[in-house]
Protein backbone atom coordinates (compact mmCIF):
# COMPACT_ATOMS: atom_id res chain seq x y z
CA MET A 1 130.10 77.81 126.55
CA LYS A 2 127.62 79.94 124.58
CA PRO A 3 124.15 78.54 123.86
CA ALA A 4 123.69 76.99 120.43
CA GLY A 5 121.66 78.83 117.79
CA LYS A 6 118.55 77.47 116.05
CA SER A 7 120.61 75.31 113.71
CA GLY A 8 122.61 73.83 116.57
CA GLN A 9 125.69 75.87 115.68
CA GLN A 10 127.41 78.33 117.95
CA PRO A 11 126.15 81.90 117.41
CA GLU A 12 128.50 83.95 115.27
CA LYS A 13 130.09 87.13 116.50
CA SER A 14 128.24 90.28 115.53
CA LEU A 15 128.45 90.73 111.78
CA ASN A 16 129.11 94.03 110.06
CA LEU A 17 126.03 94.70 107.93
CA GLN A 18 126.52 98.43 107.35
CA ALA A 19 126.87 98.10 103.58
CA LEU A 20 123.76 95.93 103.30
CA GLN A 21 121.82 98.27 105.59
CA ARG A 22 122.48 101.02 103.02
CA THR A 23 121.17 98.82 100.18
CA PRO A 24 117.46 99.56 99.63
CA GLY A 25 116.73 96.35 97.74
CA PHE A 26 118.22 94.17 100.47
CA MET A 27 116.42 96.03 103.25
CA LEU A 28 113.10 95.95 101.35
CA ARG A 29 113.50 92.20 100.84
CA LEU A 30 114.13 91.62 104.56
CA ALA A 31 111.15 93.84 105.41
CA GLN A 32 108.99 91.86 102.97
CA LEU A 33 110.05 88.59 104.60
CA LYS A 34 109.27 89.98 108.06
CA PHE A 35 105.84 91.18 106.92
CA PHE A 36 105.05 87.90 105.16
CA GLU A 37 106.05 85.85 108.23
CA GLY A 38 103.76 88.00 110.36
CA PHE A 39 101.02 87.81 107.75
CA TYR A 40 101.03 84.02 107.73
CA GLU A 41 100.71 84.00 111.53
CA GLU A 42 97.91 86.57 111.71
CA PHE A 43 95.86 85.39 108.72
CA ALA A 44 96.41 81.61 109.02
CA ALA A 45 93.01 80.99 110.60
CA LEU A 46 91.35 82.57 107.55
CA GLY A 47 93.42 80.54 105.10
CA VAL A 48 94.49 83.70 103.28
CA THR A 49 98.00 84.14 101.86
CA PRO A 50 99.58 87.46 100.88
CA ALA A 51 98.88 86.65 97.21
CA THR A 52 95.25 85.64 97.72
CA TYR A 53 94.68 88.65 99.99
CA ALA A 54 95.95 90.97 97.25
CA ILE A 55 93.82 89.18 94.64
CA PHE A 56 90.69 89.47 96.80
CA VAL A 57 91.29 93.17 97.49
CA VAL A 58 91.90 94.05 93.84
CA ILE A 59 88.78 92.16 92.71
CA ARG A 60 86.72 93.67 95.55
CA ASP A 61 87.84 97.20 94.68
CA ASN A 62 87.73 96.64 90.89
CA PRO A 63 84.83 94.29 90.09
CA GLY A 64 85.22 92.85 86.62
CA VAL A 65 89.01 93.21 86.50
CA PRO A 66 90.48 90.94 83.81
CA PRO A 67 93.03 88.31 84.87
CA SER A 68 95.72 89.85 82.65
CA SER A 69 95.42 93.22 84.46
CA LEU A 70 95.51 91.48 87.82
CA ALA A 71 98.64 89.52 86.84
CA SER A 72 100.37 92.66 85.61
CA LEU A 73 99.51 94.65 88.73
CA LEU A 74 100.59 91.92 91.16
CA ARG A 75 103.69 91.02 89.10
CA LEU A 76 102.52 87.42 88.74
CA ARG A 77 103.03 85.28 85.68
CA LEU A 78 99.61 84.72 84.10
CA PRO A 79 99.83 80.88 84.29
CA ASN A 80 100.61 81.12 88.03
CA LEU A 81 97.69 83.50 88.57
CA ILE A 82 95.35 81.25 86.58
CA LYS A 83 96.25 78.34 88.88
CA ILE A 84 95.37 80.46 91.95
CA LEU A 85 92.16 81.70 90.31
CA ASN A 86 91.15 78.12 89.51
CA GLU A 87 91.55 77.20 93.19
CA LEU A 88 89.63 80.29 94.35
CA GLU A 89 86.85 79.58 91.86
CA SER A 90 86.56 75.89 92.78
CA SER A 91 86.41 76.93 96.46
CA GLY A 92 83.52 79.28 95.67
CA PHE A 93 85.33 82.58 96.42
CA ILE A 94 85.38 84.10 92.94
CA LYS A 95 83.57 83.68 89.65
CA ARG A 96 84.61 84.38 86.10
CA ASN A 97 82.15 86.06 83.80
CA ARG A 98 82.36 86.72 80.10
CA SER A 99 82.57 90.44 79.38
CA LYS A 100 79.42 91.88 77.86
CA ALA A 101 81.58 94.34 75.89
CA ASP A 102 83.95 91.67 74.54
CA ARG A 103 82.71 88.07 74.75
CA ARG A 104 86.32 86.83 74.43
CA ALA A 105 87.34 88.63 77.64
CA VAL A 106 86.93 87.29 81.18
CA GLU A 107 86.01 89.45 84.16
CA LEU A 108 86.62 88.46 87.79
CA MET A 109 84.04 88.95 90.52
CA LEU A 110 83.86 87.98 94.17
CA THR A 111 81.09 85.63 95.21
CA PRO A 112 79.22 86.36 98.46
CA LYS A 113 81.52 83.78 100.10
CA GLY A 114 84.60 85.62 98.76
CA ALA A 115 83.21 89.01 99.82
CA LYS A 116 82.64 87.64 103.34
CA LEU A 117 86.18 86.25 103.54
CA ILE A 118 87.86 89.49 102.43
CA HIS A 119 85.63 91.43 104.84
CA GLU A 120 86.88 89.21 107.70
CA ALA A 121 90.49 89.55 106.49
CA ALA A 122 90.14 93.33 106.20
CA ARG A 123 89.19 93.49 109.89
CA VAL A 124 92.53 91.83 110.76
CA THR A 125 94.51 94.14 108.45
CA ALA A 126 94.57 97.36 110.51
CA PRO A 127 95.66 95.69 113.77
CA TYR A 128 98.24 93.63 111.86
CA ASN A 129 99.69 96.72 110.15
CA GLN A 130 99.70 98.59 113.45
CA LYS A 131 101.62 95.75 115.11
CA MET A 132 104.15 95.45 112.27
CA LEU A 133 104.75 99.21 112.07
CA ALA A 134 104.83 99.75 115.85
CA PRO A 135 108.53 100.81 115.85
CA LEU A 136 107.53 103.85 113.75
CA SER A 137 105.56 106.89 114.83
CA GLU A 138 102.28 107.58 113.01
CA ALA A 139 104.01 110.32 110.99
CA GLU A 140 106.83 107.92 110.07
CA GLN A 141 104.29 105.29 109.03
CA ARG A 142 102.58 107.79 106.71
CA THR A 143 105.97 108.85 105.33
CA LEU A 144 106.98 105.23 104.73
CA LEU A 145 103.82 104.57 102.73
CA GLU A 146 104.21 107.82 100.80
CA LEU A 147 107.80 106.94 99.89
CA LEU A 148 106.92 103.39 98.86
CA ASN A 149 104.07 104.69 96.71
CA ARG A 150 106.49 107.10 95.06
CA ILE A 151 108.89 104.27 94.25
CA LEU A 152 106.06 102.01 93.04
CA PRO A 153 103.65 104.23 91.10
CA PHE A 154 100.52 102.44 89.87
């Protein structure tokens, strides 16, 4: 008798996934899931999620970025982003300032507490990326990033 799988069922025979393995969207989605699972493990102690990490990095690198630009860049619906920003602000990681150029506009800034957190998270980033990309040579890793940046121009 074969050992049961995680769900208690018998493992299935090897499935033919050749067609899916030639489908970029499917493979990118599986890669994203793998990276997110690893991210949650590596960054759990900091309490940072993939979304909050991206928000912190964009605000760090673009002080004063408006929420609408951040939502557009990260492909988040503005109401969903506002909910995250409210939590980050109430936790003391970011602050919202009124724009001096346009008093109706809001600009996002990191607080010292937020800057410290993203600094700590950034130290985990390189080892995490190295671990996740270990099956690829350094040249392949550079090529992968170049190709992804070509597909997703900013």
